[in-house]
Amino acid sequence: MGKDLLKAELPRAQNGAEPQLLLTSLLGDFWYWRDEHIPATALVRLLADFDVTSDGARAAMRRLVARGLLDTSRSGRTTAYGIPARTSEVIVERAHRMLTFGTTAPEWDGRWTVVAFSVPEQARGLRTALRSRLRLLRFAALYDGVWVSPHDLGADAQALLRELGIETATVLRSAAVPGGTRQGDPVSAFDLTALGKEYRAFTERYEPVLESLAAGLISPAEALRTRTELRVAWRRFPETDPDLPAELLPPDWDRSRAQQVFLEIYDRLGPLAELRFRQILGTVSPELAELASHHDSAAIADLYASLGDRRAHGDTPFEQATAARRLDEVTRSRS
């Protein structure tokens, strides 16, 4: 297989990832736990590798500052951006979950958490809010007013009902009686067929990268682009996969292979991607370029273990913005 053909097969996002997401992914990969700010010109050049225009890149920076996800500083006519305090710990936690998600299925005691509720038609906004928040907890609708999860989420569900002021609801921890219909089985509430197709599509999209890696045909620029887009593509699975126990998964479940492909590519592309990050940053500030570094799965595991009581508690702008984005996504997906 020729070099040009292998290069042509490297996956690209069909519509391109949003500039804000690309930028936070790049900084989260190569610049966390750094107090130094990166000049805007360098960030514009980094995003240019992803076909983001200068105007698009600068707009993304302004929006991230407005959301509290980037800090900004000025020196003369130079504007620079950096990661806010306390965000690095959150990045480590999210990176650890992203890199370890799918390695094992959770254990199960055979019981379901069931939320049964009745919200009147005139309170449609409240009902929509409840459904969206239950989806964020990874419940699924078995029937209109009966939502289920195989995880022990009773306390979380009760807290949600109290927060929304819903009193006509019951939370149970119970086991299904054997002999019911397939449609009445709580596992039928989860669309595993569609999710399985997404895992297969991810694997088919990225497996050719392993061939290119084995042949030594991936450049630093391709490595940075591919690793970042891989990370962006994978991050949605830990957010949307209900992470069912092994007993409830179909025999041909494709998550394990997808996770292996993700992890191998992420780790192996790290040094090359870091080189490209340094190359671009070095065109603006050679001193800053020397500070950039990538983190593979082993390094992330060590950092995560070292956090101790510095782990996130949901009160940073990064966590709040992530929660708001997820709530908006699940609300819009069902509207």
C-alpha atoms as a PDB file:
ATOM      1  CA  MET A   1       0.000   0.000   0.000  1.00  0.00           C
ATOM      2  CA  GLY A   2       1.455   3.362  -1.028  1.00  0.00           C
ATOM      3  CA  LYS A   3       2.288   6.193   1.331  1.00  0.00           C
ATOM      4  CA  ASP A   4      -0.202   8.581  -0.258  1.00  0.00           C
ATOM      5  CA  LEU A   5      -3.005   6.043   0.018  1.00  0.00           C
ATOM      6  CA  LEU A   6      -2.312   5.378   3.686  1.00  0.00           C
ATOM      7  CA  LYS A   7      -2.337   9.086   4.388  1.00  0.00           C
ATOM      8  CA  ALA A   8      -5.632   9.465   2.557  1.00  0.00           C
ATOM      9  CA  GLU A   9      -7.188   6.834   4.787  1.00  0.00           C
ATOM     10  CA  LEU A  10      -6.467   8.664   8.046  1.00  0.00           C
ATOM     11  CA  PRO A  11      -9.871   9.553   9.492  1.00  0.00           C
ATOM     12  CA  ARG A  12     -11.160  13.073   9.593  1.00  0.00           C
ATOM     13  CA  ALA A  13     -14.285  14.263  11.339  1.00  0.00           C
ATOM     14  CA  GLN A  14     -17.032  14.577   8.745  1.00  0.00           C
ATOM     15  CA  ASN A  15     -17.989  18.113   9.696  1.00  0.00           C
ATOM     16  CA  GLY A  16     -15.051  18.999  11.917  1.00  0.00           C
ATOM     17  CA  ALA A  17     -15.194  19.380  15.671  1.00  0.00           C
ATOM     18  CA  GLU A  18     -16.255  22.693  17.184  1.00  0.00           C
ATOM     19  CA  PRO A  19     -13.267  25.063  17.645  1.00  0.00           C
ATOM     20  CA  GLN A  20     -13.957  25.505  21.372  1.00  0.00           C
ATOM     21  CA  LEU A  21     -13.894  21.745  21.909  1.00  0.00           C
ATOM     22  CA  LEU A  22     -10.743  21.349  19.826  1.00  0.00           C
ATOM     23  CA  LEU A  23      -8.962  24.065  21.777  1.00  0.00           C
ATOM     24  CA  THR A  24      -9.878  22.725  25.209  1.00  0.00           C
ATOM     25  CA  SER A  25      -8.867  19.236  24.056  1.00  0.00           C
ATOM     26  CA  LEU A  26      -5.475  20.483  22.850  1.00  0.00           C
ATOM     27  CA  LEU A  27      -4.753  22.378  26.052  1.00  0.00           C
ATOM     28  CA  GLY A  28      -6.072  19.486  28.116  1.00  0.00           C
ATOM     29  CA  ASP A  29      -3.676  17.142  26.355  1.00  0.00           C
ATOM     30  CA  PHE A  30      -0.487  19.199  26.266  1.00  0.00           C
ATOM     31  CA  TRP A  31      -0.716  22.169  28.643  1.00  0.00           C
ATOM     32  CA  TYR A  32      -2.413  21.360  31.932  1.00  0.00           C
ATOM     33  CA  TRP A  33      -0.704  22.060  35.226  1.00  0.00           C
ATOM     34  CA  ARG A  34       1.061  24.959  33.545  1.00  0.00           C
ATOM     35  CA  ASP A  35       0.622  28.518  34.818  1.00  0.00           C
ATOM     36  CA  GLU A  36       2.091  30.109  31.698  1.00  0.00           C
ATOM     37  CA  HIS A  37      -0.244  31.616  29.126  1.00  0.00           C
ATOM     38  CA  ILE A  38       0.061  30.846  25.414  1.00  0.00           C
ATOM     39  CA  PRO A  39      -0.089  33.786  22.955  1.00  0.00           C
ATOM     40  CA  ALA A  40      -3.262  33.933  20.892  1.00  0.00           C
ATOM     41  CA  THR A  41      -1.220  33.804  17.683  1.00  0.00           C
ATOM     42  CA  ALA A  42       0.103  30.356  18.622  1.00  0.00           C
ATOM     43  CA  LEU A  43      -3.387  29.063  19.423  1.00  0.00           C
ATOM     44  CA  VAL A  44      -4.633  30.378  16.072  1.00  0.00           C
ATOM     45  CA  ARG A  45      -1.855  28.453  14.327  1.00  0.00           C
ATOM     46  CA  LEU A  46      -2.666  25.295  16.299  1.00  0.00           C
ATOM     47  CA  LEU A  47      -6.308  25.436  15.268  1.00  0.00           C
ATOM     48  CA  ALA A  48      -5.295  26.116  11.661  1.00  0.00           C
ATOM     49  CA  ASP A  49      -4.079  22.489  11.599  1.00  0.00           C
ATOM     50  CA  PHE A  50      -7.763  21.593  12.005  1.00  0.00           C
ATOM     51  CA  ASP A  51      -8.930  23.940   9.209  1.00  0.00           C
ATOM     52  CA  VAL A  52     -10.245  26.516  11.685  1.00  0.00           C
ATOM     53  CA  THR A  53      -9.966  30.076  10.383  1.00  0.00           C
ATOM     54  CA  SER A  54      -8.237  32.825  12.333  1.00  0.00           C
ATOM     55  CA  ASP A  55     -11.571  34.517  13.014  1.00  0.00           C
ATOM     56  CA  GLY A  56     -13.074  31.218  14.157  1.00  0.00           C
ATOM     57  CA  ALA A  57     -10.131  30.525  16.466  1.00  0.00           C
ATOM     58  CA  ARG A  58     -10.231  33.978  18.078  1.00  0.00           C
ATOM     59  CA  ALA A  59     -13.988  33.764  18.532  1.00  0.00           C
ATOM     60  CA  ALA A  60     -13.530  30.393  20.258  1.00  0.00           C
ATOM     61  CA  MET A  61     -10.993  31.925  22.658  1.00  0.00           C
ATOM     62  CA  ARG A  62     -13.309  34.800  23.540  1.00  0.00           C
ATOM     63  CA  ARG A  63     -16.208  32.436  24.198  1.00  0.00           C
ATOM     64  CA  LEU A  64     -14.105  30.152  26.369  1.00  0.00           C
ATOM     65  CA  VAL A  65     -12.995  33.158  28.438  1.00  0.00           C
ATOM     66  CA  ALA A  66     -16.621  34.281  28.789  1.00  0.00           C
ATOM     67  CA  ARG A  67     -17.529  30.781  30.039  1.00  0.00           C
ATOM     68  CA  GLY A  68     -14.705  30.803  32.578  1.00  0.00           C
ATOM     69  CA  LEU A  69     -12.846  27.980  30.822  1.00  0.00           C
ATOM     70  CA  LEU A  70      -9.799  30.057  29.885  1.00  0.00           C
ATOM     71  CA  ASP A  71      -7.936  32.864  31.627  1.00  0.00           C
ATOM     72  CA  THR A  72      -6.543  35.745  29.614  1.00  0.00           C
ATOM     73  CA  SER A  73      -3.636  38.166  30.057  1.00  0.00           C
ATOM     74  CA  ARG A  74      -1.983  40.954  28.067  1.00  0.00           C
ATOM     75  CA  SER A  75       1.613  42.010  27.604  1.00  0.00           C
ATOM     76  CA  GLY A  76       1.819  45.063  25.396  1.00  0.00           C
ATOM     77  CA  ARG A  77      -0.179  44.196  22.280  1.00  0.00           C
ATOM     78  CA  THR A  78       0.013  40.450  22.882  1.00  0.00           C
ATOM     79  CA  THR A  79      -3.011  38.629  24.266  1.00  0.00           C
ATOM     80  CA  ALA A  80      -2.388  35.208  25.795  1.00  0.00           C
ATOM     81  CA  TYR A  81      -4.573  32.460  27.247  1.00  0.00           C
ATOM     82  CA  GLY A  82      -4.144  29.784  29.899  1.00  0.00           C
ATOM     83  CA  ILE A  83      -5.972  27.179  31.962  1.00  0.00           C
ATOM     84  CA  PRO A  84      -7.668  28.571  35.115  1.00  0.00           C
ATOM     85  CA  ALA A  85      -6.647  27.457  38.584  1.00  0.00           C
ATOM     86  CA  ARG A  86      -8.167  24.149  39.792  1.00  0.00           C
ATOM     87  CA  THR A  87      -9.027  23.126  36.233  1.00  0.00           C
ATOM     88  CA  SER A  88      -6.010  20.815  35.921  1.00  0.00           C
ATOM     89  CA  GLU A  89      -7.376  18.448  38.568  1.00  0.00           C
ATOM     90  CA  VAL A  90     -10.693  18.279  36.711  1.00  0.00           C
ATOM     91  CA  ILE A  91      -8.876  17.555  33.448  1.00  0.00           C
ATOM     92  CA  VAL A  92      -6.992  14.686  35.094  1.00  0.00           C
ATOM     93  CA  GLU A  93     -10.223  13.181  36.414  1.00  0.00           C
ATOM     94  CA  ARG A  94     -11.990  13.449  33.065  1.00  0.00           C
ATOM     95  CA  ALA A  95      -8.970  12.099  31.198  1.00  0.00           C
ATOM     96  CA  HIS A  96      -8.748   9.155  33.595  1.00  0.00           C
ATOM     97  CA  ARG A  97     -12.415   8.301  33.097  1.00  0.00           C
ATOM     98  CA  MET A  98     -12.101   8.690  29.331  1.00  0.00           C
ATOM     99  CA  LEU A  99      -9.053   6.407  29.164  1.00  0.00           C
ATOM    100  CA  THR A 100     -10.390   3.721  31.485  1.00  0.00           C
ATOM    101  CA  PHE A 101     -14.033   3.693  30.405  1.00  0.00           C
ATOM    102  CA  GLY A 102     -14.997   0.393  28.811  1.00  0.00           C
ATOM    103  CA  THR A 103     -12.134  -1.654  30.230  1.00  0.00           C
ATOM    104  CA  THR A 104     -14.535  -3.537  32.529  1.00  0.00           C
ATOM    105  CA  ALA A 105     -18.279  -3.765  33.062  1.00  0.00           C
ATOM    106  CA  PRO A 106     -19.658  -2.958  36.535  1.00  0.00           C
ATOM    107  CA  GLU A 107     -20.740  -5.716  38.886  1.00  0.00           C
ATOM    108  CA  TRP A 108     -24.488  -6.193  39.373  1.00  0.00           C
ATOM    109  CA  ASP A 109     -26.598  -7.399  42.274  1.00  0.00           C
ATOM    110  CA  GLY A 110     -29.561  -8.202  39.999  1.00  0.00           C
ATOM    111  CA  ARG A 111     -31.633  -5.240  41.161  1.00  0.00           C
ATOM    112  CA  TRP A 112     -32.842  -2.189  39.273  1.00  0.00           C
ATOM    113  CA  THR A 113     -33.304   1.366  40.462  1.00  0.00           C
ATOM    114  CA  VAL A 114     -36.804   2.327  39.332  1.00  0.00           C
ATOM    115  CA  VAL A 115     -38.216   5.855  39.266  1.00  0.00           C
ATOM    116  CA  ALA A 116     -41.985   5.968  38.744  1.00  0.00           C
ATOM    117  CA  PHE A 117     -43.555   9.415  38.491  1.00  0.00           C
ATOM    118  CA  SER A 118     -46.687  11.253  37.453  1.00  0.00           C
ATOM    119  CA  VAL A 119     -46.311  14.865  36.339  1.00  0.00           C
ATOM    120  CA  PRO A 120     -49.454  16.602  34.979  1.00  0.00           C
ATOM    121  CA  GLU A 121     -49.647  17.731  31.370  1.00  0.00           C
ATOM    122  CA  GLN A 122     -49.805  21.391  32.362  1.00  0.00           C
ATOM    123  CA  ALA A 123     -46.368  21.050  33.977  1.00  0.00           C
ATOM    124  CA  ARG A 124     -44.728  20.052  30.702  1.00  0.00           C
ATOM    125  CA  GLY A 125     -41.550  22.040  31.381  1.00  0.00           C
ATOM    126  CA  LEU A 126     -41.061  20.265  34.700  1.00  0.00           C
ATOM    127  CA  ARG A 127     -41.578  16.872  33.075  1.00  0.00           C
ATOM    128  CA  THR A 128     -39.042  17.704  30.369  1.00  0.00           C
ATOM    129  CA  ALA A 129     -36.531  18.827  32.996  1.00  0.00           C
ATOM    130  CA  LEU A 130     -37.013  15.598  34.976  1.00  0.00           C
ATOM    131  CA  ARG A 131     -36.553  13.391  31.926  1.00  0.00           C
ATOM    132  CA  SER A 132     -33.438  15.244  30.827  1.00  0.00           C
ATOM    133  CA  ARG A 133     -31.882  15.051  34.274  1.00  0.00           C
ATOM    134  CA  LEU A 134     -32.699  11.332  34.550  1.00  0.00           C
ATOM    135  CA  ARG A 135     -30.900  10.770  31.245  1.00  0.00           C
ATOM    136  CA  LEU A 136     -27.855  12.554  32.659  1.00  0.00           C
ATOM    137  CA  LEU A 137     -27.920  10.009  35.490  1.00  0.00           C
ATOM    138  CA  ARG A 138     -28.068   7.331  32.758  1.00  0.00           C
ATOM    139  CA  PHE A 139     -31.599   6.184  33.459  1.00  0.00           C
ATOM    140  CA  ALA A 140     -33.701   5.097  30.476  1.00  0.00           C
ATOM    141  CA  ALA A 141     -37.457   5.192  29.937  1.00  0.00           C
ATOM    142  CA  LEU A 142     -39.076   1.756  30.150  1.00  0.00           C
ATOM    143  CA  TYR A 143     -42.483   3.434  29.909  1.00  0.00           C
ATOM    144  CA  ASP A 144     -43.466   7.098  29.840  1.00  0.00           C
ATOM    145  CA  GLY A 145     -43.432   7.508  33.617  1.00  0.00           C
ATOM    146  CA  VAL A 146     -41.211   4.565  34.575  1.00  0.00           C
ATOM    147  CA  TRP A 147     -37.446   4.976  34.287  1.00  0.00           C
ATOM    148  CA  VAL A 148     -34.845   2.337  35.122  1.00  0.00           C
ATOM    149  CA  SER A 149     -31.139   1.874  35.776  1.00  0.00           C
ATOM    150  CA  PRO A 150     -29.175  -1.226  36.848  1.00  0.00           C
ATOM    151  CA  HIS A 151     -26.932   1.004  38.972  1.00  0.00           C
ATOM    152  CA  ASP A 152     -27.614   1.863  42.608  1.00  0.00           C
ATOM    153  CA  LEU A 153     -28.821   5.403  42.002  1.00  0.00           C
ATOM    154  CA  GLY A 154     -31.660   5.628  44.483  1.00  0.00           C
ATOM    155  CA  ALA A 155     -30.106   8.436  46.511  1.00  0.00           C
ATOM    156  CA  ASP A 156     -29.297  10.418  43.358  1.00  0.00           C
ATOM    157  CA  ALA A 157     -32.844  10.004  42.070  1.00  0.00           C
ATOM    158  CA  GLN A 158     -34.356  11.100  45.382  1.00  0.00           C
ATOM    159  CA  ALA A 159     -32.088  14.156  45.456  1.00  0.00           C
ATOM    160  CA  LEU A 160     -33.168  15.063  41.919  1.00  0.00           C
ATOM    161  CA  LEU A 161     -36.859  14.764  42.781  1.00  0.00           C
ATOM    162  CA  ARG A 162     -36.386  16.977  45.847  1.00  0.00           C
ATOM    163  CA  GLU A 163     -34.460  19.541  43.799  1.00  0.00           C
ATOM    164  CA  LEU A 164     -37.251  19.738  41.216  1.00  0.00           C
ATOM    165  CA  GLY A 165     -39.973  19.726  43.879  1.00  0.00           C
ATOM    166  CA  ILE A 166     -41.703  16.612  42.514  1.00  0.00           C
ATOM    167  CA  GLU A 167     -43.640  14.723  45.179  1.00  0.00           C
ATOM    168  CA  THR A 168     -45.727  12.402  42.988  1.00  0.00           C
ATOM    169  CA  ALA A 169     -42.869   9.974  42.406  1.00  0.00           C
ATOM    170  CA  THR A 170     -41.571   6.728  43.890  1.00  0.00           C
ATOM    171  CA  VAL A 171     -38.011   5.377  43.854  1.00  0.00           C
ATOM    172  CA  LEU A 172     -37.522   1.610  44.188  1.00  0.00           C
ATOM    173  CA  ARG A 173     -34.662  -0.869  44.271  1.00  0.00           C
ATOM    174  CA  SER A 174     -36.134  -4.091  42.948  1.00  0.00           C
ATOM    175  CA  ALA A 175     -35.550  -7.228  40.867  1.00  0.00           C
ATOM    176  CA  ALA A 176     -37.547  -8.208  37.788  1.00  0.00           C
ATOM    177  CA  VAL A 177     -39.688 -11.327  38.174  1.00  0.00           C
ATOM    178  CA  PRO A 178     -38.522 -14.008  35.668  1.00  0.00           C
ATOM    179  CA  GLY A 179     -40.812 -15.023  32.840  1.00  0.00           C
ATOM    180  CA  GLY A 180     -41.828 -11.594  31.580  1.00  0.00           C
ATOM    181  CA  THR A 181     -41.967 -10.481  27.954  1.00  0.00           C
ATOM    182  CA  ARG A 182     -38.947  -9.188  26.085  1.00  0.00           C
ATOM    183  CA  GLN A 183     -40.527  -5.758  25.685  1.00  0.00           C
ATOM    184  CA  GLY A 184     -41.221  -5.632  29.415  1.00  0.00           C
ATOM    185  CA  ASP A 185     -37.627  -6.477  30.333  1.00  0.00           C
ATOM    186  CA  PRO A 186     -36.000  -3.371  31.866  1.00  0.00           C
ATOM    187  CA  VAL A 187     -32.951  -3.812  29.622  1.00  0.00           C
ATOM    188  CA  SER A 188     -35.187  -3.093  26.613  1.00  0.00           C
ATOM    189  CA  ALA A 189     -35.280   0.537  27.738  1.00  0.00           C
ATOM    190  CA  PHE A 190     -31.682   0.947  26.548  1.00  0.00           C
ATOM    191  CA  ASP A 191     -30.985   1.260  22.814  1.00  0.00           C
ATOM    192  CA  LEU A 192     -27.986  -1.062  22.706  1.00  0.00           C
ATOM    193  CA  THR A 193     -28.401  -1.722  18.983  1.00  0.00           C
ATOM    194  CA  ALA A 194     -27.752   1.904  18.020  1.00  0.00           C
ATOM    195  CA  LEU A 195     -24.906   2.216  20.527  1.00  0.00           C
ATOM    196  CA  GLY A 196     -23.300  -0.987  19.256  1.00  0.00           C
ATOM    197  CA  LYS A 197     -23.361   0.431  15.713  1.00  0.00           C
ATOM    198  CA  GLU A 198     -21.615   3.568  16.963  1.00  0.00           C
ATOM    199  CA  TYR A 199     -18.858   1.494  18.547  1.00  0.00           C
ATOM    200  CA  ARG A 200     -18.421  -0.515  15.332  1.00  0.00           C
ATOM    201  CA  ALA A 201     -18.291   2.670  13.262  1.00  0.00           C
ATOM    202  CA  PHE A 202     -15.651   4.125  15.598  1.00  0.00           C
ATOM    203  CA  THR A 203     -13.526   0.982  15.295  1.00  0.00           C
ATOM    204  CA  GLU A 204     -13.826   0.834  11.507  1.00  0.00           C
ATOM    205  CA  ARG A 205     -12.995   4.518  11.234  1.00  0.00           C
ATOM    206  CA  TYR A 206      -9.828   4.367  13.320  1.00  0.00           C
ATOM    207  CA  GLU A 207      -8.374   0.878  12.802  1.00  0.00           C
ATOM    208  CA  PRO A 208      -6.577   2.027   9.609  1.00  0.00           C
ATOM    209  CA  VAL A 209      -4.541   4.398  11.800  1.00  0.00           C
ATOM    210  CA  LEU A 210      -2.933   1.372  13.435  1.00  0.00           C
ATOM    211  CA  GLU A 211      -1.800   0.169  10.011  1.00  0.00           C
ATOM    212  CA  SER A 212      -0.299   3.571   9.259  1.00  0.00           C
ATOM    213  CA  LEU A 213       1.414   3.614  12.642  1.00  0.00           C
ATOM    214  CA  ALA A 214       2.916   0.177  12.029  1.00  0.00           C
ATOM    215  CA  ALA A 215       4.228   1.381   8.675  1.00  0.00           C
ATOM    216  CA  GLY A 216       5.698   4.585  10.166  1.00  0.00           C
ATOM    217  CA  LEU A 217       3.710   6.753   7.780  1.00  0.00           C
ATOM    218  CA  ILE A 218       2.114   9.272  10.135  1.00  0.00           C
ATOM    219  CA  SER A 219       3.644  12.735  10.276  1.00  0.00           C
ATOM    220  CA  PRO A 220       3.647  14.938  13.405  1.00  0.00           C
ATOM    221  CA  ALA A 221       0.901  17.136  11.916  1.00  0.00           C
ATOM    222  CA  GLU A 222      -1.257  14.081  11.158  1.00  0.00           C
ATOM    223  CA  ALA A 223      -0.569  12.713  14.629  1.00  0.00           C
ATOM    224  CA  LEU A 224      -1.746  15.889  16.371  1.00  0.00           C
ATOM    225  CA  ARG A 225      -4.863  16.127  14.251  1.00  0.00           C
ATOM    226  CA  THR A 226      -5.747  12.447  14.488  1.00  0.00           C
ATOM    227  CA  ARG A 227      -5.079  12.115  18.232  1.00  0.00           C
ATOM    228  CA  THR A 228      -7.143  15.197  19.033  1.00  0.00           C
ATOM    229  CA  GLU A 229     -10.046  14.188  16.796  1.00  0.00           C
ATOM    230  CA  LEU A 230      -9.861  10.644  18.211  1.00  0.00           C
ATOM    231  CA  ARG A 231     -10.160  12.061  21.726  1.00  0.00           C
ATOM    232  CA  VAL A 232     -13.099  14.260  20.722  1.00  0.00           C
ATOM    233  CA  ALA A 233     -14.836  11.302  19.034  1.00  0.00           C
ATOM    234  CA  TRP A 234     -14.337   8.948  21.991  1.00  0.00           C
ATOM    235  CA  ARG A 235     -15.278  11.368  24.775  1.00  0.00           C
ATOM    236  CA  ARG A 236     -19.013  11.061  24.049  1.00  0.00           C
ATOM    237  CA  PHE A 237     -19.081   7.341  24.861  1.00  0.00           C
ATOM    238  CA  PRO A 238     -18.392   7.753  28.603  1.00  0.00           C
ATOM    239  CA  GLU A 239     -21.127  10.389  28.599  1.00  0.00           C
ATOM    240  CA  THR A 240     -23.812   8.458  26.693  1.00  0.00           C
ATOM    241  CA  ASP A 241     -23.083   4.745  27.252  1.00  0.00           C
ATOM    242  CA  PRO A 242     -25.247   3.518  30.194  1.00  0.00           C
ATOM    243  CA  ASP A 243     -22.365   1.175  31.169  1.00  0.00           C
ATOM    244  CA  LEU A 244     -24.596  -1.830  31.765  1.00  0.00           C
ATOM    245  CA  PRO A 245     -23.396  -4.861  33.725  1.00  0.00           C
ATOM    246  CA  ALA A 246     -21.932  -7.701  31.642  1.00  0.00           C
ATOM    247  CA  GLU A 247     -25.007  -9.893  32.274  1.00  0.00           C
ATOM    248  CA  LEU A 248     -27.182  -7.392  30.402  1.00  0.00           C
ATOM    249  CA  LEU A 249     -24.972  -6.867  27.343  1.00  0.00           C
ATOM    250  CA  PRO A 250     -25.418  -8.702  24.025  1.00  0.00           C
ATOM    251  CA  PRO A 251     -22.804 -11.393  23.249  1.00  0.00           C
ATOM    252  CA  ASP A 252     -21.372  -9.467  20.284  1.00  0.00           C
ATOM    253  CA  TRP A 253     -20.894  -6.202  22.208  1.00  0.00           C
ATOM    254  CA  ASP A 254     -18.237  -4.136  20.377  1.00  0.00           C
ATOM    255  CA  ARG A 255     -17.150  -1.741  23.090  1.00  0.00           C
ATOM    256  CA  SER A 256     -14.042  -3.687  24.133  1.00  0.00           C
ATOM    257  CA  ARG A 257     -12.455  -3.590  20.674  1.00  0.00           C
ATOM    258  CA  ALA A 258     -13.315   0.087  20.225  1.00  0.00           C
ATOM    259  CA  GLN A 259     -11.740   0.894  23.594  1.00  0.00           C
ATOM    260  CA  GLN A 260      -8.571  -1.028  22.709  1.00  0.00           C
ATOM    261  CA  VAL A 261      -8.268   0.817  19.383  1.00  0.00           C
ATOM    262  CA  PHE A 262      -8.804   4.169  21.103  1.00  0.00           C
ATOM    263  CA  LEU A 263      -6.247   3.532  23.835  1.00  0.00           C
ATOM    264  CA  GLU A 264      -3.535   2.152  21.548  1.00  0.00           C
ATOM    265  CA  ILE A 265      -3.778   5.035  19.097  1.00  0.00           C
ATOM    266  CA  TYR A 266      -3.997   7.647  21.857  1.00  0.00           C
ATOM    267  CA  ASP A 267      -0.861   6.372  23.583  1.00  0.00           C
ATOM    268  CA  ARG A 268       1.215   5.683  20.476  1.00  0.00           C
ATOM    269  CA  LEU A 269       0.475   9.014  18.782  1.00  0.00           C
ATOM    270  CA  GLY A 270       1.377  11.011  21.901  1.00  0.00           C
ATOM    271  CA  PRO A 271       5.086  11.698  21.198  1.00  0.00           C
ATOM    272  CA  LEU A 272       4.504  12.660  17.557  1.00  0.00           C
ATOM    273  CA  ALA A 273       1.536  14.842  18.449  1.00  0.00           C
ATOM    274  CA  GLU A 274       3.583  16.582  21.128  1.00  0.00           C
ATOM    275  CA  LEU A 275       6.301  17.273  18.549  1.00  0.00           C
ATOM    276  CA  ARG A 276       3.790  19.035  16.301  1.00  0.00           C
ATOM    277  CA  PHE A 277       2.373  21.023  19.248  1.00  0.00           C
ATOM    278  CA  ARG A 278       5.923  22.142  20.070  1.00  0.00           C
ATOM    279  CA  GLN A 279       6.684  22.979  16.431  1.00  0.00           C
ATOM    280  CA  ILE A 280       3.710  25.304  16.170  1.00  0.00           C
ATOM    281  CA  LEU A 281       4.190  26.900  19.575  1.00  0.00           C
ATOM    282  CA  GLY A 282       7.883  27.344  18.791  1.00  0.00           C
ATOM    283  CA  THR A 283       7.084  29.609  15.828  1.00  0.00           C
ATOM    284  CA  VAL A 284       5.751  32.134  18.340  1.00  0.00           C
ATOM    285  CA  SER A 285       7.603  31.333  21.584  1.00  0.00           C
ATOM    286  CA  PRO A 286      10.470  28.796  21.607  1.00  0.00           C
ATOM    287  CA  GLU A 287      10.674  29.114  25.401  1.00  0.00           C
ATOM    288  CA  LEU A 288       7.055  28.047  25.865  1.00  0.00           C
ATOM    289  CA  ALA A 289       7.444  25.248  23.328  1.00  0.00           C
ATOM    290  CA  GLU A 290       9.946  23.546  25.615  1.00  0.00           C
ATOM    291  CA  LEU A 291       7.269  23.282  28.338  1.00  0.00           C
ATOM    292  CA  ALA A 292       4.681  21.358  26.314  1.00  0.00           C
ATOM    293  CA  SER A 293       4.225  17.668  27.103  1.00  0.00           C
ATOM    294  CA  HIS A 294       1.786  14.891  26.305  1.00  0.00           C
ATOM    295  CA  HIS A 295       0.283  12.457  28.810  1.00  0.00           C
ATOM    296  CA  ASP A 296      -0.357   8.803  28.011  1.00  0.00           C
ATOM    297  CA  SER A 297      -2.644   6.432  29.897  1.00  0.00           C
ATOM    298  CA  ALA A 298       0.071   5.388  32.381  1.00  0.00           C
ATOM    299  CA  ALA A 299       0.911   9.012  33.235  1.00  0.00           C
ATOM    300  CA  ILE A 300      -2.759   9.870  33.658  1.00  0.00           C
ATOM    301  CA  ALA A 301      -3.211   6.907  36.026  1.00  0.00           C
ATOM    302  CA  ASP A 302      -0.321   8.143  38.171  1.00  0.00           C
ATOM    303  CA  LEU A 303      -1.646  11.701  38.214  1.00  0.00           C
ATOM    304  CA  TYR A 304      -5.129  10.525  39.121  1.00  0.00           C
ATOM    305  CA  ALA A 305      -3.789   8.441  42.005  1.00  0.00           C
ATOM    306  CA  SER A 306      -1.903  11.474  43.304  1.00  0.00           C
ATOM    307  CA  LEU A 307      -4.951  13.783  43.476  1.00  0.00           C
ATOM    308  CA  GLY A 308      -6.146  12.680  46.901  1.00  0.00           C
ATOM    309  CA  ASP A 309      -8.580  15.225  48.357  1.00  0.00           C
ATOM    310  CA  ARG A 310      -7.909  17.628  45.477  1.00  0.00           C
ATOM    311  CA  ARG A 311     -10.414  15.784  43.304  1.00  0.00           C
ATOM    312  CA  ALA A 312     -13.214  17.758  41.698  1.00  0.00           C
ATOM    313  CA  HIS A 313     -16.419  18.537  43.576  1.00  0.00           C
ATOM    314  CA  GLY A 314     -18.536  19.904  40.737  1.00  0.00           C
ATOM    315  CA  ASP A 315     -18.004  23.583  41.565  1.00  0.00           C
ATOM    316  CA  THR A 316     -15.444  24.674  38.962  1.00  0.00           C
ATOM    317  CA  PRO A 317     -16.461  26.571  35.785  1.00  0.00           C
ATOM    318  CA  PHE A 318     -15.174  23.636  33.717  1.00  0.00           C
ATOM    319  CA  GLU A 319     -17.432  21.121  35.492  1.00  0.00           C
ATOM    320  CA  GLN A 320     -20.411  23.470  35.440  1.00  0.00           C
ATOM    321  CA  ALA A 321     -19.941  24.175  31.730  1.00  0.00           C
ATOM    322  CA  THR A 322     -19.673  20.445  31.009  1.00  0.00           C
ATOM    323  CA  ALA A 323     -22.854  19.731  32.960  1.00  0.00           C
ATOM    324  CA  ALA A 324     -24.693  22.534  31.158  1.00  0.00           C
ATOM    325  CA  ARG A 325     -23.522  21.242  27.765  1.00  0.00           C
ATOM    326  CA  ARG A 326     -24.633  17.686  28.539  1.00  0.00           C
ATOM    327  CA  LEU A 327     -28.027  18.869  29.791  1.00  0.00           C
ATOM    328  CA  ASP A 328     -28.501  20.913  26.626  1.00  0.00           C
ATOM    329  CA  GLU A 329     -27.489  17.932  24.469  1.00  0.00           C
ATOM    330  CA  VAL A 330     -29.901  15.478  26.068  1.00  0.00           C
ATOM    331  CA  THR A 331     -32.723  18.048  26.036  1.00  0.00           C
ATOM    332  CA  ARG A 332     -32.236  18.878  22.362  1.00  0.00           C
ATOM    333  CA  SER A 333     -31.811  15.231  21.352  1.00  0.00           C
ATOM    334  CA  ARG A 334     -35.315  14.410  22.618  1.00  0.00           C
ATOM    335  CA  SER A 335     -37.096  17.622  21.662  1.00  0.00           C
END
